Amino acid sequence: MNRPAPVEITYECMRFLITHNPTNSQLAKFTEELKAFGVQTLVRVCEATYDKAPVEKEGIEVLVRSAEFTR
């Protein structure tokens, strides 16, 4: 299945990268894309579809949005 390309949004001094939610089988390519954009922190806002440990191993902090914000 083709995934949409990442979209970068800049607001004042902040940068946001909007991406698809990868699976474990797509994680290596996904991590490469994150690193190419200079991502240091990833905020997961969708249901988990991949193990965050390999992303963290590459030096990218993974934050998980808590369920309390969805109410």
PDB file of N, CA and C in Angstrom:
ATOM      1  N   MET A   1       0.843  -1.176   0.000  1.00  0.00           N
ATOM      2  CA  MET A   1       0.000   0.000   0.000  1.00  0.00           C
ATOM      3  C   MET A   1       0.892   1.245   0.000  1.00  0.00           C
ATOM      4  N   ASN A   2       0.574   2.174  -0.860  1.00  0.00           N
ATOM      5  CA  ASN A   2       1.325   3.427  -0.905  1.00  0.00           C
ATOM      6  C   ASN A   2       0.913   4.324   0.244  1.00  0.00           C
ATOM      7  N   ARG A   3       1.889   4.948   0.834  1.00  0.00           N
ATOM      8  CA  ARG A   3       1.655   5.872   1.946  1.00  0.00           C
ATOM      9  C   ARG A   3       1.892   7.296   1.465  1.00  0.00           C
ATOM     10  N   PRO A   4       1.146   8.252   1.998  1.00  0.00           N
ATOM     11  CA  PRO A   4       1.393   9.642   1.611  1.00  0.00           C
ATOM     12  C   PRO A   4       2.770  10.107   2.089  1.00  0.00           C
ATOM     13  N   ALA A   5       3.344  11.025   1.344  1.00  0.00           N
ATOM     14  CA  ALA A   5       4.647  11.584   1.717  1.00  0.00           C
ATOM     15  C   ALA A   5       4.504  12.439   2.968  1.00  0.00           C
ATOM     16  N   PRO A   6       5.544  12.523   3.788  1.00  0.00           N
ATOM     17  CA  PRO A   6       5.503  13.397   4.962  1.00  0.00           C
ATOM     18  C   PRO A   6       5.307  14.856   4.540  1.00  0.00           C
ATOM     19  N   VAL A   7       4.608  15.602   5.374  1.00  0.00           N
ATOM     20  CA  VAL A   7       4.381  17.021   5.122  1.00  0.00           C
ATOM     21  C   VAL A   7       4.968  17.806   6.285  1.00  0.00           C
ATOM     22  N   GLU A   8       5.829  18.775   5.965  1.00  0.00           N
ATOM     23  CA  GLU A   8       6.456  19.602   6.994  1.00  0.00           C
ATOM     24  C   GLU A   8       5.711  20.932   7.106  1.00  0.00           C
ATOM     25  N   ILE A   9       5.383  21.311   8.330  1.00  0.00           N
ATOM     26  CA  ILE A   9       4.708  22.578   8.615  1.00  0.00           C
ATOM     27  C   ILE A   9       5.596  23.367   9.571  1.00  0.00           C
ATOM     28  N   THR A  10       5.825  24.632   9.248  1.00  0.00           N
ATOM     29  CA  THR A  10       6.633  25.496  10.100  1.00  0.00           C
ATOM     30  C   THR A  10       5.746  26.598  10.650  1.00  0.00           C
ATOM     31  N   TYR A  11       5.843  26.810  11.957  1.00  0.00           N
ATOM     32  CA  TYR A  11       5.098  27.883  12.609  1.00  0.00           C
ATOM     33  C   TYR A  11       6.046  28.580  13.575  1.00  0.00           C
ATOM     34  N   GLU A  12       6.351  29.830  13.278  1.00  0.00           N
ATOM     35  CA  GLU A  12       7.323  30.606  14.054  1.00  0.00           C
ATOM     36  C   GLU A  12       8.609  29.793  14.173  1.00  0.00           C
ATOM     37  N   CYS A  13       9.061  29.460  15.365  1.00  0.00           N
ATOM     38  CA  CYS A  13      10.322  28.719  15.514  1.00  0.00           C
ATOM     39  C   CYS A  13      10.104  27.202  15.654  1.00  0.00           C
ATOM     40  N   MET A  14       8.885  26.730  15.382  1.00  0.00           N
ATOM     41  CA  MET A  14       8.578  25.306  15.531  1.00  0.00           C
ATOM     42  C   MET A  14       8.400  24.643  14.171  1.00  0.00           C
ATOM     43  N   ARG A  15       8.787  23.375  14.111  1.00  0.00           N
ATOM     44  CA  ARG A  15       8.603  22.575  12.897  1.00  0.00           C
ATOM     45  C   ARG A  15       7.828  21.327  13.262  1.00  0.00           C
ATOM     46  N   PHE A  16       6.852  20.995  12.415  1.00  0.00           N
ATOM     47  CA  PHE A  16       6.038  19.799  12.617  1.00  0.00           C
ATOM     48  C   PHE A  16       6.099  18.958  11.350  1.00  0.00           C
ATOM     49  N   LEU A  17       6.188  17.653  11.530  1.00  0.00           N
ATOM     50  CA  LEU A  17       6.203  16.739  10.398  1.00  0.00           C
ATOM     51  C   LEU A  17       4.999  15.819  10.538  1.00  0.00           C
ATOM     52  N   ILE A  18       4.083  15.900   9.590  1.00  0.00           N
ATOM     53  CA  ILE A  18       2.888  15.065   9.610  1.00  0.00           C
ATOM     54  C   ILE A  18       3.184  13.838   8.752  1.00  0.00           C
ATOM     55  N   THR A  19       3.025  12.654   9.347  1.00  0.00           N
ATOM     56  CA  THR A  19       3.349  11.410   8.637  1.00  0.00           C
ATOM     57  C   THR A  19       2.227  10.397   8.795  1.00  0.00           C
ATOM     58  N   HIS A  20       2.357   9.309   8.070  1.00  0.00           N
ATOM     59  CA  HIS A  20       1.446   8.174   8.239  1.00  0.00           C
ATOM     60  C   HIS A  20       1.845   7.409   9.502  1.00  0.00           C
ATOM     61  N   ASN A  21       1.029   6.460   9.904  1.00  0.00           N
ATOM     62  CA  ASN A  21       1.381   5.611  11.047  1.00  0.00           C
ATOM     63  C   ASN A  21       1.923   4.289  10.499  1.00  0.00           C
ATOM     64  N   PRO A  22       3.223   4.057  10.651  1.00  0.00           N
ATOM     65  CA  PRO A  22       3.844   2.867  10.064  1.00  0.00           C
ATOM     66  C   PRO A  22       3.516   1.598  10.838  1.00  0.00           C
ATOM     67  N   THR A  23       3.827   0.487  10.200  1.00  0.00           N
ATOM     68  CA  THR A  23       3.777  -0.807  10.880  1.00  0.00           C
ATOM     69  C   THR A  23       5.219  -1.195  11.203  1.00  0.00           C
ATOM     70  N   ASN A  24       5.395  -2.253  11.951  1.00  0.00           N
ATOM     71  CA  ASN A  24       6.755  -2.703  12.285  1.00  0.00           C
ATOM     72  C   ASN A  24       7.558  -3.027  11.027  1.00  0.00           C
ATOM     73  N   SER A  25       6.891  -3.555   9.987  1.00  0.00           N
ATOM     74  CA  SER A  25       7.617  -3.909   8.765  1.00  0.00           C
ATOM     75  C   SER A  25       8.088  -2.673   7.993  1.00  0.00           C
ATOM     76  N   GLN A  26       7.491  -1.516   8.228  1.00  0.00           N
ATOM     77  CA  GLN A  26       7.871  -0.278   7.542  1.00  0.00           C
ATOM     78  C   GLN A  26       8.761   0.619   8.401  1.00  0.00           C
ATOM     79  N   LEU A  27       9.080   0.165   9.593  1.00  0.00           N
ATOM     80  CA  LEU A  27       9.726   1.022  10.577  1.00  0.00           C
ATOM     81  C   LEU A  27      11.120   1.502  10.178  1.00  0.00           C
ATOM     82  N   ALA A  28      11.905   0.682   9.518  1.00  0.00           N
ATOM     83  CA  ALA A  28      13.262   1.101   9.130  1.00  0.00           C
ATOM     84  C   ALA A  28      13.203   2.281   8.159  1.00  0.00           C
ATOM     85  N   LYS A  29      12.357   2.198   7.148  1.00  0.00           N
ATOM     86  CA  LYS A  29      12.225   3.301   6.184  1.00  0.00           C
ATOM     87  C   LYS A  29      11.636   4.536   6.863  1.00  0.00           C
ATOM     88  N   PHE A  30      10.660   4.331   7.733  1.00  0.00           N
ATOM     89  CA  PHE A  30      10.029   5.435   8.464  1.00  0.00           C
ATOM     90  C   PHE A  30      11.072   6.182   9.301  1.00  0.00           C
ATOM     91  N   THR A  31      11.903   5.435  10.007  1.00  0.00           N
ATOM     92  CA  THR A  31      12.947   6.039  10.842  1.00  0.00           C
ATOM     93  C   THR A  31      13.949   6.810   9.979  1.00  0.00           C
ATOM     94  N   GLU A  32      14.288   6.266   8.815  1.00  0.00           N
ATOM     95  CA  GLU A  32      15.187   6.974   7.887  1.00  0.00           C
ATOM     96  C   GLU A  32      14.579   8.316   7.482  1.00  0.00           C
ATOM     97  N   GLU A  33      13.274   8.327   7.188  1.00  0.00           N
ATOM     98  CA  GLU A  33      12.595   9.571   6.810  1.00  0.00           C
ATOM     99  C   GLU A  33      12.633  10.581   7.958  1.00  0.00           C
ATOM    100  N   LEU A  34      12.378  10.109   9.175  1.00  0.00           N
ATOM    101  CA  LEU A  34      12.404  11.003  10.325  1.00  0.00           C
ATOM    102  C   LEU A  34      13.783  11.637  10.484  1.00  0.00           C
ATOM    103  N   LYS A  35      14.813  10.824  10.366  1.00  0.00           N
ATOM    104  CA  LYS A  35      16.169  11.323  10.516  1.00  0.00           C
ATOM    105  C   LYS A  35      16.525  12.301   9.397  1.00  0.00           C
ATOM    106  N   ALA A  36      16.034  12.064   8.185  1.00  0.00           N
ATOM    107  CA  ALA A  36      16.303  12.964   7.058  1.00  0.00           C
ATOM    108  C   ALA A  36      15.708  14.352   7.309  1.00  0.00           C
ATOM    109  N   PHE A  37      14.602  14.403   8.046  1.00  0.00           N
ATOM    110  CA  PHE A  37      13.976  15.676   8.384  1.00  0.00           C
ATOM    111  C   PHE A  37      14.526  16.262   9.687  1.00  0.00           C
ATOM    112  N   GLY A  38      15.440  15.559  10.334  1.00  0.00           N
ATOM    113  CA  GLY A  38      16.039  16.064  11.570  1.00  0.00           C
ATOM    114  C   GLY A  38      15.130  15.940  12.783  1.00  0.00           C
ATOM    115  N   VAL A  39      14.225  14.976  12.757  1.00  0.00           N
ATOM    116  CA  VAL A  39      13.293  14.793  13.873  1.00  0.00           C
ATOM    117  C   VAL A  39      14.049  14.333  15.111  1.00  0.00           C
ATOM    118  N   GLN A  40      13.775  14.982  16.238  1.00  0.00           N
ATOM    119  CA  GLN A  40      14.369  14.608  17.517  1.00  0.00           C
ATOM    120  C   GLN A  40      13.320  14.059  18.473  1.00  0.00           C
ATOM    121  N   THR A  41      12.070  14.502  18.307  1.00  0.00           N
ATOM    122  CA  THR A  41      10.972  14.061  19.156  1.00  0.00           C
ATOM    123  C   THR A  41       9.788  13.690  18.279  1.00  0.00           C
ATOM    124  N   LEU A  42       9.236  12.528  18.509  1.00  0.00           N
ATOM    125  CA  LEU A  42       8.072  12.040  17.779  1.00  0.00           C
ATOM    126  C   LEU A  42       6.908  11.961  18.758  1.00  0.00           C
ATOM    127  N   VAL A  43       5.786  12.562  18.409  1.00  0.00           N
ATOM    128  CA  VAL A  43       4.597  12.508  19.259  1.00  0.00           C
ATOM    129  C   VAL A  43       3.589  11.597  18.578  1.00  0.00           C
ATOM    130  N   ARG A  44       3.288  10.491  19.210  1.00  0.00           N
ATOM    131  CA  ARG A  44       2.328   9.531  18.671  1.00  0.00           C
ATOM    132  C   ARG A  44       0.931   9.971  19.089  1.00  0.00           C
ATOM    133  N   VAL A  45       0.072  10.259  18.108  1.00  0.00           N
ATOM    134  CA  VAL A  45      -1.291  10.708  18.412  1.00  0.00           C
ATOM    135  C   VAL A  45      -2.345   9.725  17.920  1.00  0.00           C
ATOM    136  N   CYS A  46      -1.913   8.664  17.273  1.00  0.00           N
ATOM    137  CA  CYS A  46      -2.828   7.623  16.800  1.00  0.00           C
ATOM    138  C   CYS A  46      -2.582   6.342  17.596  1.00  0.00           C
ATOM    139  N   GLU A  47      -3.434   5.389  17.374  1.00  0.00           N
ATOM    140  CA  GLU A  47      -3.253   4.082  17.996  1.00  0.00           C
ATOM    141  C   GLU A  47      -1.892   3.518  17.590  1.00  0.00           C
ATOM    142  N   ALA A  48      -1.212   2.887  18.510  1.00  0.00           N
ATOM    143  CA  ALA A  48       0.121   2.339  18.241  1.00  0.00           C
ATOM    144  C   ALA A  48       0.036   1.228  17.197  1.00  0.00           C
ATOM    145  N   THR A  49       0.820   1.378  16.133  1.00  0.00           N
ATOM    146  CA  THR A  49       0.884   0.357  15.085  1.00  0.00           C
ATOM    147  C   THR A  49       2.296  -0.200  14.942  1.00  0.00           C
ATOM    148  N   TYR A  50       3.209   0.262  15.811  1.00  0.00           N
ATOM    149  CA  TYR A  50       4.604  -0.172  15.736  1.00  0.00           C
ATOM    150  C   TYR A  50       5.235  -0.083  17.117  1.00  0.00           C
ATOM    151  N   ASP A  51       6.330  -0.818  17.259  1.00  0.00           N
ATOM    152  CA  ASP A  51       7.110  -0.813  18.492  1.00  0.00           C
ATOM    153  C   ASP A  51       7.986   0.438  18.501  1.00  0.00           C
ATOM    154  N   LYS A  52       7.887   1.244  19.539  1.00  0.00           N
ATOM    155  CA  LYS A  52       8.653   2.499  19.576  1.00  0.00           C
ATOM    156  C   LYS A  52      10.127   2.294  19.927  1.00  0.00           C
ATOM    157  N   ALA A  53      10.504   1.131  20.457  1.00  0.00           N
ATOM    158  CA  ALA A  53      11.887   0.886  20.883  1.00  0.00           C
ATOM    159  C   ALA A  53      12.911   1.079  19.755  1.00  0.00           C
ATOM    160  N   PRO A  54      12.675   0.563  18.537  1.00  0.00           N
ATOM    161  CA  PRO A  54      13.668   0.788  17.472  1.00  0.00           C
ATOM    162  C   PRO A  54      13.827   2.269  17.107  1.00  0.00           C
ATOM    163  N   VAL A  55      12.764   3.041  17.206  1.00  0.00           N
ATOM    164  CA  VAL A  55      12.839   4.476  16.919  1.00  0.00           C
ATOM    165  C   VAL A  55      13.691   5.157  17.991  1.00  0.00           C
ATOM    166  N   GLU A  56      13.434   4.809  19.240  1.00  0.00           N
ATOM    167  CA  GLU A  56      14.207   5.380  20.353  1.00  0.00           C
ATOM    168  C   GLU A  56      15.679   4.973  20.263  1.00  0.00           C
ATOM    169  N   LYS A  57      15.929   3.764  19.785  1.00  0.00           N
ATOM    170  CA  LYS A  57      17.305   3.291  19.638  1.00  0.00           C
ATOM    171  C   LYS A  57      18.085   4.160  18.648  1.00  0.00           C
ATOM    172  N   GLU A  58      17.371   4.772  17.707  1.00  0.00           N
ATOM    173  CA  GLU A  58      17.989   5.668  16.722  1.00  0.00           C
ATOM    174  C   GLU A  58      18.142   7.090  17.249  1.00  0.00           C
ATOM    175  N   GLY A  59      17.817   7.297  18.536  1.00  0.00           N
ATOM    176  CA  GLY A  59      18.019   8.602  19.155  1.00  0.00           C
ATOM    177  C   GLY A  59      16.843   9.556  19.039  1.00  0.00           C
ATOM    178  N   ILE A  60      15.675   9.031  18.663  1.00  0.00           N
ATOM    179  CA  ILE A  60      14.469   9.852  18.546  1.00  0.00           C
ATOM    180  C   ILE A  60      13.567   9.562  19.739  1.00  0.00           C
ATOM    181  N   GLU A  61      13.259  10.596  20.510  1.00  0.00           N
ATOM    182  CA  GLU A  61      12.377  10.446  21.670  1.00  0.00           C
ATOM    183  C   GLU A  61      10.951  10.239  21.172  1.00  0.00           C
ATOM    184  N   VAL A  62      10.238   9.264  21.743  1.00  0.00           N
ATOM    185  CA  VAL A  62       8.850   8.992  21.355  1.00  0.00           C
ATOM    186  C   VAL A  62       7.944   9.316  22.535  1.00  0.00           C
ATOM    187  N   LEU A  63       7.047  10.272  22.315  1.00  0.00           N
ATOM    188  CA  LEU A  63       6.057  10.638  23.321  1.00  0.00           C
ATOM    189  C   LEU A  63       4.707  10.103  22.878  1.00  0.00           C
ATOM    190  N   VAL A  64       3.934   9.604  23.826  1.00  0.00           N
ATOM    191  CA  VAL A  64       2.621   9.056  23.511  1.00  0.00           C
ATOM    192  C   VAL A  64       1.570   9.969  24.112  1.00  0.00           C
ATOM    193  N   ARG A  65       0.688  10.476  23.257  1.00  0.00           N
ATOM    194  CA  ARG A  65      -0.388  11.342  23.724  1.00  0.00           C
ATOM    195  C   ARG A  65      -1.316  10.522  24.605  1.00  0.00           C
ATOM    196  N   SER A  66      -1.597  11.036  25.792  1.00  0.00           N
ATOM    197  CA  SER A  66      -2.409  10.290  26.736  1.00  0.00           C
ATOM    198  C   SER A  66      -3.876  10.346  26.356  1.00  0.00           C
ATOM    199  N   ALA A  67      -4.634   9.323  26.732  1.00  0.00           N
ATOM    200  CA  ALA A  67      -6.056   9.219  26.402  1.00  0.00           C
ATOM    201  C   ALA A  67      -6.879  10.356  27.005  1.00  0.00           C
ATOM    202  N   GLU A  68      -6.386  10.983  28.057  1.00  0.00           N
ATOM    203  CA  GLU A  68      -7.168  12.043  28.690  1.00  0.00           C
ATOM    204  C   GLU A  68      -7.368  13.247  27.775  1.00  0.00           C
ATOM    205  N   PHE A  69      -6.497  13.407  26.776  1.00  0.00           N
ATOM    206  CA  PHE A  69      -6.628  14.528  25.859  1.00  0.00           C
ATOM    207  C   PHE A  69      -7.670  14.290  24.775  1.00  0.00           C
ATOM    208  N   THR A  70      -8.136  13.065  24.632  1.00  0.00           N
ATOM    209  CA  THR A  70      -9.074  12.744  23.560  1.00  0.00           C
ATOM    210  C   THR A  70     -10.520  12.954  23.993  1.00  0.00           C
ATOM    211  N   ARG A  71     -10.751  13.295  25.230  1.00  0.00           N
ATOM    212  CA  ARG A  71     -12.129  13.454  25.711  1.00  0.00           C
ATOM    213  C   ARG A  71     -12.623  14.853  25.534  1.00  0.00           C
TER     214      ARG A  71
END
